[in-house]
Every structure is written in C-alpha cells, then in structure tokens.
Amino acid sequence: MDRNTDLLTVIFTVLALVIVGVFLYRIRNGTFKKHLMAEAAIVVSYIVVSGAASDMAFLLRLAITLSIAGVFVYGRMKSD
C-alpha cells in the first residue's frame, strides 16, 4: 500500500467512527427518530463515497460500511 491509500483508509475509518458516535449519541438521547432522514442521508452518502474509494481494501470498506448500516438499523429499532 502506498501513502495515499493509507491516508484514505485513515480518513474513512475516522469518518466512520464519527458517524457511529453521532448515531449512538442520538440513540442514547432519544432523538434518532427525529433526525431519521438525516441519518439515512449520511448512510447513503457514505456508501456511495466508499464505493468510489477503490484503492482501499474491499473487506475493510465492506466491514466499515456494514458497521455503519448496522448502527443505523439498531437506531431505527431502538427508537420505535
């Protein structure tokens, strides 16, 4: 892996951690359902952008994307 790929991996991982942190914060405060469309837009945009990052390892992109989607689904179930 070259330096650009490593930097891209770090950026996507940090972005995923921030997204998961925001989701968990909103789930804990009970405001996830109120901002449901915003969370859906975040998930969709992250998936589209991660698809464009073809230099990253596929399994890493898949694992990060599935973790974000999993927290989103958990938030939807928990807020009902």
N, C-alpha and C. Protein backbone atom coordinates (compact mmCIF):
# COMPACT_ATOMS: atom_id res chain seq x y z
N MET A 1 0.84 -1.17 0.00
CA MET A 1 0.00 0.00 0.00
C MET A 1 0.88 1.24 0.00
N ASP A 2 0.45 2.21 -0.74
CA ASP A 2 1.23 3.43 -0.76
C ASP A 2 0.65 4.43 0.25
N ARG A 3 1.27 5.57 0.30
CA ARG A 3 0.91 6.56 1.31
C ARG A 3 -0.50 7.11 1.11
N ASN A 4 -0.92 7.31 -0.14
CA ASN A 4 -2.27 7.82 -0.40
C ASN A 4 -3.35 6.85 0.04
N THR A 5 -3.10 5.57 -0.17
CA THR A 5 -4.07 4.56 0.24
C THR A 5 -4.16 4.50 1.76
N ASP A 6 -3.03 4.60 2.44
CA ASP A 6 -3.04 4.59 3.90
C ASP A 6 -3.80 5.81 4.44
N LEU A 7 -3.57 6.97 3.85
CA LEU A 7 -4.27 8.18 4.27
C LEU A 7 -5.76 8.05 4.02
N LEU A 8 -6.13 7.51 2.88
CA LEU A 8 -7.54 7.30 2.56
C LEU A 8 -8.19 6.35 3.56
N THR A 9 -7.49 5.30 3.92
CA THR A 9 -8.01 4.35 4.90
C THR A 9 -8.22 5.01 6.25
N VAL A 10 -7.28 5.82 6.68
CA VAL A 10 -7.41 6.50 7.96
C VAL A 10 -8.58 7.48 7.93
N ILE A 11 -8.72 8.23 6.85
CA ILE A 11 -9.81 9.20 6.74
C ILE A 11 -11.17 8.51 6.78
N PHE A 12 -11.32 7.42 6.03
CA PHE A 12 -12.59 6.71 6.03
C PHE A 12 -12.89 6.07 7.38
N THR A 13 -11.88 5.57 8.05
CA THR A 13 -12.09 4.96 9.35
C THR A 13 -12.49 6.00 10.39
N VAL A 14 -11.83 7.14 10.38
CA VAL A 14 -12.18 8.21 11.32
C VAL A 14 -13.59 8.73 11.02
N LEU A 15 -13.91 8.90 9.76
CA LEU A 15 -15.25 9.34 9.39
C LEU A 15 -16.31 8.34 9.85
N ALA A 16 -16.02 7.06 9.70
CA ALA A 16 -16.97 6.04 10.15
C ALA A 16 -17.14 6.08 11.67
N LEU A 17 -16.06 6.29 12.40
CA LEU A 17 -16.16 6.38 13.85
C LEU A 17 -16.97 7.60 14.28
N VAL A 18 -16.81 8.71 13.58
CA VAL A 18 -17.60 9.90 13.89
C VAL A 18 -19.07 9.65 13.61
N ILE A 19 -19.37 9.03 12.49
CA ILE A 19 -20.77 8.73 12.15
C ILE A 19 -21.40 7.81 13.19
N VAL A 20 -20.68 6.75 13.57
CA VAL A 20 -21.20 5.82 14.57
C VAL A 20 -21.38 6.53 15.91
N GLY A 21 -20.44 7.39 16.25
CA GLY A 21 -20.55 8.15 17.50
C GLY A 21 -21.77 9.05 17.52
N VAL A 22 -22.03 9.73 16.41
CA VAL A 22 -23.22 10.59 16.33
C VAL A 22 -24.49 9.75 16.42
N PHE A 23 -24.51 8.63 15.74
CA PHE A 23 -25.69 7.76 15.80
C PHE A 23 -25.93 7.28 17.23
N LEU A 24 -24.89 6.82 17.91
CA LEU A 24 -25.06 6.33 19.28
C LEU A 24 -25.47 7.44 20.22
N TYR A 25 -24.94 8.64 20.02
CA TYR A 25 -25.33 9.79 20.84
C TYR A 25 -26.81 10.09 20.67
N ARG A 26 -27.28 10.09 19.42
CA ARG A 26 -28.69 10.38 19.17
C ARG A 26 -29.60 9.25 19.65
N ILE A 27 -29.12 8.02 19.57
CA ILE A 27 -29.92 6.90 20.09
C ILE A 27 -30.06 7.03 21.60
N ARG A 28 -28.96 7.34 22.28
CA ARG A 28 -28.98 7.46 23.73
C ARG A 28 -29.86 8.62 24.18
N ASN A 29 -29.88 9.72 23.45
CA ASN A 29 -30.70 10.88 23.82
C ASN A 29 -32.14 10.76 23.34
N GLY A 30 -32.44 9.76 22.55
CA GLY A 30 -33.80 9.55 22.08
C GLY A 30 -34.20 10.46 20.92
N THR A 31 -33.23 11.04 20.23
CA THR A 31 -33.55 11.94 19.12
C THR A 31 -33.25 11.31 17.76
N PHE A 32 -32.98 10.02 17.73
CA PHE A 32 -32.63 9.37 16.46
C PHE A 32 -33.81 9.40 15.50
N LYS A 33 -34.99 9.09 15.98
CA LYS A 33 -36.18 9.05 15.12
C LYS A 33 -36.49 10.44 14.56
N LYS A 34 -36.21 11.48 15.35
CA LYS A 34 -36.47 12.85 14.91
C LYS A 34 -35.61 13.23 13.71
N HIS A 35 -34.39 12.70 13.67
CA HIS A 35 -33.44 13.02 12.61
C HIS A 35 -33.24 11.84 11.65
N LEU A 36 -34.25 11.02 11.48
CA LEU A 36 -34.11 9.78 10.72
C LEU A 36 -33.70 10.02 9.27
N MET A 37 -34.26 11.00 8.62
CA MET A 37 -33.91 11.25 7.22
C MET A 37 -32.47 11.75 7.09
N ALA A 38 -32.00 12.51 8.08
CA ALA A 38 -30.61 12.97 8.05
C ALA A 38 -29.66 11.79 8.21
N GLU A 39 -30.00 10.87 9.11
CA GLU A 39 -29.16 9.68 9.29
C GLU A 39 -29.17 8.82 8.03
N ALA A 40 -30.32 8.69 7.40
CA ALA A 40 -30.40 7.91 6.16
C ALA A 40 -29.53 8.54 5.08
N ALA A 41 -29.55 9.86 4.99
CA ALA A 41 -28.71 10.55 4.00
C ALA A 41 -27.23 10.35 4.30
N ILE A 42 -26.86 10.34 5.56
CA ILE A 42 -25.46 10.10 5.94
C ILE A 42 -25.03 8.70 5.52
N VAL A 43 -25.87 7.71 5.78
CA VAL A 43 -25.53 6.33 5.43
C VAL A 43 -25.40 6.17 3.92
N VAL A 44 -26.36 6.70 3.18
CA VAL A 44 -26.32 6.57 1.71
C VAL A 44 -25.10 7.28 1.13
N SER A 45 -24.81 8.48 1.61
CA SER A 45 -23.65 9.20 1.07
C SER A 45 -22.35 8.50 1.44
N TYR A 46 -22.26 7.92 2.62
CA TYR A 46 -21.05 7.19 3.00
C TYR A 46 -20.86 5.97 2.11
N ILE A 47 -21.94 5.26 1.82
CA ILE A 47 -21.85 4.07 0.98
C ILE A 47 -21.42 4.46 -0.44
N VAL A 48 -21.97 5.54 -0.98
CA VAL A 48 -21.60 5.97 -2.32
C VAL A 48 -20.13 6.39 -2.38
N VAL A 49 -19.69 7.14 -1.40
CA VAL A 49 -18.30 7.60 -1.38
C VAL A 49 -17.34 6.44 -1.15
N SER A 50 -17.70 5.50 -0.30
CA SER A 50 -16.82 4.36 -0.07
C SER A 50 -16.73 3.47 -1.30
N GLY A 51 -17.77 3.46 -2.11
CA GLY A 51 -17.70 2.73 -3.37
C GLY A 51 -16.72 3.36 -4.34
N ALA A 52 -16.57 4.67 -4.24
CA ALA A 52 -15.62 5.38 -5.11
C ALA A 52 -14.19 5.21 -4.65
N ALA A 53 -13.98 4.81 -3.42
CA ALA A 53 -12.63 4.65 -2.88
C ALA A 53 -12.12 3.25 -3.21
N SER A 54 -11.86 3.01 -4.45
CA SER A 54 -11.49 1.66 -4.88
C SER A 54 -10.06 1.28 -4.49
N ASP A 55 -9.27 2.24 -4.02
CA ASP A 55 -7.91 1.91 -3.60
C ASP A 55 -7.87 1.21 -2.25
N MET A 56 -8.90 1.40 -1.45
CA MET A 56 -8.94 0.76 -0.14
C MET A 56 -9.25 -0.73 -0.30
N ALA A 57 -8.87 -1.49 0.68
CA ALA A 57 -9.16 -2.93 0.67
C ALA A 57 -10.67 -3.14 0.71
N PHE A 58 -11.16 -4.05 -0.11
CA PHE A 58 -12.60 -4.27 -0.23
C PHE A 58 -13.20 -4.73 1.09
N LEU A 59 -12.56 -5.65 1.77
CA LEU A 59 -13.13 -6.16 3.02
C LEU A 59 -13.19 -5.08 4.10
N LEU A 60 -12.22 -4.20 4.10
CA LEU A 60 -12.24 -3.09 5.06
C LEU A 60 -13.39 -2.14 4.76
N ARG A 61 -13.56 -1.79 3.49
CA ARG A 61 -14.69 -0.94 3.10
C ARG A 61 -16.01 -1.60 3.46
N LEU A 62 -16.11 -2.89 3.21
CA LEU A 62 -17.34 -3.63 3.50
C LEU A 62 -17.61 -3.67 5.00
N ALA A 63 -16.60 -3.94 5.79
CA ALA A 63 -16.78 -4.03 7.24
C ALA A 63 -17.21 -2.68 7.83
N ILE A 64 -16.56 -1.61 7.40
CA ILE A 64 -16.90 -0.29 7.92
C ILE A 64 -18.31 0.11 7.50
N THR A 65 -18.65 -0.12 6.24
CA THR A 65 -19.98 0.23 5.75
C THR A 65 -21.07 -0.58 6.45
N LEU A 66 -20.82 -1.86 6.66
CA LEU A 66 -21.80 -2.69 7.36
C LEU A 66 -21.96 -2.30 8.82
N SER A 67 -20.88 -1.84 9.44
CA SER A 67 -21.00 -1.40 10.83
C SER A 67 -21.84 -0.14 10.93
N ILE A 68 -21.66 0.79 10.00
CA ILE A 68 -22.48 2.00 9.99
C ILE A 68 -23.94 1.64 9.72
N ALA A 69 -24.17 0.78 8.75
CA ALA A 69 -25.54 0.37 8.44
C ALA A 69 -26.17 -0.38 9.62
N GLY A 70 -25.39 -1.18 10.31
CA GLY A 70 -25.89 -1.91 11.48
C GLY A 70 -26.31 -0.99 12.60
N VAL A 71 -25.51 0.04 12.88
CA VAL A 71 -25.88 1.00 13.92
C VAL A 71 -27.12 1.78 13.50
N PHE A 72 -27.26 2.08 12.21
CA PHE A 72 -28.45 2.77 11.71
C PHE A 72 -29.69 1.91 11.93
N VAL A 73 -29.61 0.65 11.59
CA VAL A 73 -30.76 -0.26 11.79
C VAL A 73 -31.07 -0.41 13.28
N TYR A 74 -30.03 -0.51 14.10
CA TYR A 74 -30.23 -0.60 15.55
C TYR A 74 -30.94 0.65 16.06
N GLY A 75 -30.55 1.81 15.57
CA GLY A 75 -31.20 3.05 15.98
C GLY A 75 -32.66 3.11 15.58
N ARG A 76 -32.95 2.62 14.40
CA ARG A 76 -34.35 2.59 13.96
C ARG A 76 -35.18 1.67 14.83
N MET A 77 -34.64 0.51 15.18
CA MET A 77 -35.38 -0.44 16.02
C MET A 77 -35.53 0.10 17.44
N LYS A 78 -34.48 0.71 17.94
CA LYS A 78 -34.49 1.20 19.32
C LYS A 78 -35.41 2.40 19.50
N SER A 79 -35.58 3.22 18.46
CA SER A 79 -36.37 4.44 18.59
C SER A 79 -37.86 4.21 18.37
N ASP A 80 -38.25 3.03 17.96
CA ASP A 80 -39.70 2.76 17.76
C ASP A 80 -40.43 2.60 19.06
